Structure formats: C-alpha cells, structure tokens
C-alpha atoms as a PDB file:
ATOM      1  CA  MET A   1      86.527  85.671 138.784  1.00  0.00           C
ATOM      2  CA  ASP A   2      85.543  83.802 141.936  1.00  0.00           C
ATOM      3  CA  ILE A   3      88.291  82.055 143.868  1.00  0.00           C
ATOM      4  CA  ARG A   4      88.472  80.077 147.084  1.00  0.00           C
ATOM      5  CA  LEU A   5      91.158  80.256 149.734  1.00  0.00           C
ATOM      6  CA  THR A   6      91.428  77.299 152.066  1.00  0.00           C
ATOM      7  CA  VAL A   7      92.459  78.637 155.475  1.00  0.00           C
ATOM      8  CA  ASP A   8      93.012  76.138 158.296  1.00  0.00           C
ATOM      9  CA  GLY A   9      90.932  73.607 156.386  1.00  0.00           C
ATOM     10  CA  ASP A  10      87.973  75.945 155.881  1.00  0.00           C
ATOM     11  CA  PRO A  11      86.938  77.625 152.612  1.00  0.00           C
ATOM     12  CA  VAL A  12      87.047  81.407 152.324  1.00  0.00           C
ATOM     13  CA  ALA A  13      85.370  82.967 149.286  1.00  0.00           C
ATOM     14  CA  ALA A  14      87.040  85.782 147.369  1.00  0.00           C
ATOM     15  CA  ALA A  15      86.840  87.436 143.985  1.00  0.00           C
ATOM     16  CA  LEU A  16      89.588  88.669 141.701  1.00  0.00           C
ATOM     17  CA  ASP A  17      89.336  92.021 139.941  1.00  0.00           C
ATOM     18  CA  ASP A  18      89.058  92.255 136.176  1.00  0.00           C
ATOM     19  CA  SER A  19      92.638  93.335 135.482  1.00  0.00           C
ATOM     20  CA  VAL A  20      95.649  92.048 133.578  1.00  0.00           C
ATOM     21  CA  THR A  21      97.534  91.392 136.822  1.00  0.00           C
ATOM     22  CA  ALA A  22      94.636  89.529 138.462  1.00  0.00           C
ATOM     23  CA  GLY A  23      94.156  87.455 135.307  1.00  0.00           C
ATOM     24  CA  ASP A  24      97.840  86.584 135.241  1.00  0.00           C
ATOM     25  CA  PHE A  25      97.615  85.532 138.903  1.00  0.00           C
ATOM     26  CA  ALA A  26      94.564  83.361 138.106  1.00  0.00           C
ATOM     27  CA  SER A  27      96.619  81.548 135.452  1.00  0.00           C
ATOM     28  CA  LEU A  28      98.884  80.251 138.254  1.00  0.00           C
ATOM     29  CA  LEU A  29      96.032  78.646 140.212  1.00  0.00           C
ATOM     30  CA  PRO A  30      95.721  76.318 141.992  1.00  0.00           C
ATOM     31  CA  LEU A  31      98.526  77.166 144.419  1.00  0.00           C
ATOM     32  CA  THR A  32      99.371  76.027 147.928  1.00  0.00           C
ATOM     33  CA  LEU A  33     101.613  78.570 149.609  1.00  0.00           C
ATOM     34  CA  ASP A  34     103.464  78.927 152.924  1.00  0.00           C
ATOM     35  CA  LEU A  35     102.967  82.458 154.224  1.00  0.00           C
ATOM     36  CA  LYS A  36     105.110  84.744 156.378  1.00  0.00           C
ATOM     37  CA  ASP A  37     103.807  87.576 158.499  1.00  0.00           C
ATOM     38  CA  PHE A  38     104.960  91.060 157.546  1.00  0.00           C
ATOM     39  CA  HIS A  39     104.573  94.086 159.855  1.00  0.00           C
ATOM     40  CA  GLN A  40     101.643  92.466 161.711  1.00  0.00           C
ATOM     41  CA  ALA A  41      99.350  93.630 158.912  1.00  0.00           C
ATOM     42  CA  GLU A  42      99.797  91.240 156.022  1.00  0.00           C
ATOM     43  CA  LYS A  43     100.874  87.757 154.971  1.00  0.00           C
ATOM     44  CA  ILE A  44     103.397  87.524 152.142  1.00  0.00           C
ATOM     45  CA  VAL A  45     104.814  84.834 149.897  1.00  0.00           C
ATOM     46  CA  ASP A  46     106.944  84.734 146.761  1.00  0.00           C
ATOM     47  CA  LEU A  47     105.022  83.635 143.683  1.00  0.00           C
ATOM     48  CA  PRO A  48     106.460  81.080 141.232  1.00  0.00           C
ATOM     49  CA  ARG A  49     106.979  83.881 138.699  1.00  0.00           C
ATOM     50  CA  ARG A  50     106.444  87.616 138.339  1.00  0.00           C
ATOM     51  CA  LEU A  51     103.042  88.825 137.177  1.00  0.00           C
ATOM     52  CA  SER A  52     102.289  91.277 134.398  1.00  0.00           C
ATOM     53  CA  THR A  53     101.466  94.755 135.697  1.00  0.00           C
ATOM     54  CA  SER A  54     100.463  96.146 132.308  1.00  0.00           C
ATOM     55  CA  GLY A  55      97.942  98.941 132.810  1.00  0.00           C
ATOM     56  CA  ALA A  56      98.136  98.713 136.614  1.00  0.00           C
ATOM     57  CA  PRO A  57      98.112 101.847 138.751  1.00  0.00           C
ATOM     58  CA  LYS A  58     101.433 103.014 140.207  1.00  0.00           C
ATOM     59  CA  GLY A  59     100.418 101.923 143.721  1.00  0.00           C
ATOM     60  CA  ALA A  60      97.558 101.402 146.153  1.00  0.00           C
ATOM     61  CA  ALA A  61      96.429 101.732 149.782  1.00  0.00           C
ATOM     62  CA  PRO A  62      95.195  98.206 150.573  1.00  0.00           C
ATOM     63  CA  LYS A  63      92.347  97.567 152.979  1.00  0.00           C
ATOM     64  CA  ALA A  64      91.919  94.577 155.266  1.00  0.00           C
ATOM     65  CA  GLY A  65      90.636  91.668 153.181  1.00  0.00           C
ATOM     66  CA  ASP A  66      92.402  92.742 149.986  1.00  0.00           C
ATOM     67  CA  LEU A  67      94.572  90.364 148.000  1.00  0.00           C
ATOM     68  CA  GLY A  68      97.468  92.168 146.415  1.00  0.00           C
ATOM     69  CA  TYR A  69     100.639  91.803 144.431  1.00  0.00           C
ATOM     70  CA  TYR A  70     103.790  93.635 145.492  1.00  0.00           C
ATOM     71  CA  ALA A  71     105.493  93.974 142.128  1.00  0.00           C
ATOM     72  CA  PRO A  72     108.996  95.030 143.296  1.00  0.00           C
ATOM     73  CA  TRP A  73     109.403  91.742 145.210  1.00  0.00           C
ATOM     74  CA  GLY A  74     107.107  89.517 143.099  1.00  0.00           C
ATOM     75  CA  GLN A  75     104.993  88.624 146.111  1.00  0.00           C
ATOM     76  CA  LEU A  76     101.375  87.778 146.789  1.00  0.00           C
ATOM     77  CA  VAL A  77     100.079  89.728 149.773  1.00  0.00           C
ATOM     78  CA  LEU A  78      97.018  88.912 151.897  1.00  0.00           C
ATOM     79  CA  TYR A  79      96.084  91.965 153.970  1.00  0.00           C
ATOM     80  CA  TYR A  80      94.449  91.486 157.356  1.00  0.00           C
ATOM     81  CA  ARG A  81      94.847  95.131 158.361  1.00  0.00           C
ATOM     82  CA  ASP A  82      94.646  98.371 156.384  1.00  0.00           C
ATOM     83  CA  VAL A  83      98.048  99.642 155.253  1.00  0.00           C
ATOM     84  CA  PRO A  84      99.079 103.035 153.869  1.00  0.00           C
ATOM     85  CA  TYR A  85      99.577 103.767 150.192  1.00  0.00           C
ATOM     86  CA  ALA A  86     102.756 102.355 148.671  1.00  0.00           C
ATOM     87  CA  ASP A  87     104.118 102.357 145.149  1.00  0.00           C
ATOM     88  CA  GLY A  88     104.284  98.908 143.561  1.00  0.00           C
ATOM     89  CA  ILE A  89     101.134  97.446 145.141  1.00  0.00           C
ATOM     90  CA  VAL A  90      98.511  96.129 142.736  1.00  0.00           C
ATOM     91  CA  ILE A  91      95.173  95.064 144.225  1.00  0.00           C
ATOM     92  CA  LEU A  92      94.159  91.669 142.825  1.00  0.00           C
ATOM     93  CA  GLY A  93      90.814  91.217 144.580  1.00  0.00           C
ATOM     94  CA  HIS A  94      89.050  91.006 147.927  1.00  0.00           C
ATOM     95  CA  LEU A  95      87.569  88.481 150.318  1.00  0.00           C
ATOM     96  CA  ALA A  96      83.830  88.081 149.780  1.00  0.00           C
ATOM     97  CA  ASP A  97      83.035  88.426 153.487  1.00  0.00           C
ATOM     98  CA  ASP A  98      84.998  90.918 155.596  1.00  0.00           C
ATOM     99  CA  ARG A  99      84.325  88.751 158.669  1.00  0.00           C
ATOM    100  CA  ASP A 100      86.919  86.309 157.255  1.00  0.00           C
ATOM    101  CA  THR A 101      89.685  88.924 157.355  1.00  0.00           C
ATOM    102  CA  ASP A 102      90.766  88.134 160.928  1.00  0.00           C
ATOM    103  CA  ARG A 103      91.422  84.522 159.926  1.00  0.00           C
ATOM    104  CA  LEU A 104      94.269  85.724 157.696  1.00  0.00           C
ATOM    105  CA  ALA A 105      96.182  86.998 160.738  1.00  0.00           C
ATOM    106  CA  THR A 106      96.953  83.496 162.011  1.00  0.00           C
ATOM    107  CA  VAL A 107      97.211  81.420 158.832  1.00  0.00           C
ATOM    108  CA  SER A 108     100.594  80.030 157.815  1.00  0.00           C
ATOM    109  CA  ARG A 109      99.530  77.992 154.766  1.00  0.00           C
ATOM    110  CA  VAL A 110      96.838  78.710 152.193  1.00  0.00           C
ATOM    111  CA  THR A 111      95.525  76.965 149.123  1.00  0.00           C
ATOM    112  CA  ILE A 112      94.033  79.222 146.451  1.00  0.00           C
ATOM    113  CA  GLU A 113      91.975  77.863 143.573  1.00  0.00           C
ATOM    114  CA  THR A 114      89.409  79.033 141.059  1.00  0.00           C
ATOM    115  CA  VAL A 115      85.734  78.252 141.654  1.00  0.00           C
ATOM    116  CA  ARG A 116      83.971  76.678 138.706  1.00  0.00           C
END
C-alpha cells in the first residue's frame, strides 16, 4: 500500500509492507503525529492504540528509511539511521526514495495518509 508522509510541508512517498501489522497501521490513517527523537537514530511516537503483531517476526534490524512498530511500547518509529537488531520491532514499510531519509532527522511533526 502506498502512503504519503508530509514532512515540513513537503510530501514524502513510502510504501507499507503486506503484513497484518502494516495493514492494522493503515487502518489508523490519516494521522498527524508529534515526534520525539530517540538515540539520534529514530523518531518515535505513541500510536492511538496497539497494533496486531499476528504472524510478525520476533524482531528486526531496521535500516534508515524504514517505518517500524515497536510493539512493547506501542510506538511508531521512523528510522533515519540503521539500528541493531532488537526484539519487538516490526518493520511496517520503507520510504520510496532513500534520499528522503535525512529529512526524518529534523522533523518534529508528520502527517501520514494513504495514497489513492
């Protein structure tokens, strides 16, 4: 599923994976979220509710540009740097253009919506 993030007023294309967790996240869209920086590698925010992780792997090693869900805390995570493997991370999708990854490092608010 194609989605669009609005970062500092500009659109950033992304795509969600075909998974139960990504589909559950898509059901929440559109969302406008205030982000916090975490470990100078990712932006995090609590989601309005927990997502289903049925059939999801135990964990992942996210790459810059990945959109993820940290199940233990119920948070959406936008990765602007690679991070090591951790249990509880479910990859939801990825930015369409890796050149947009650096823009995530400075964003404090994002709007995420489906593209029709």
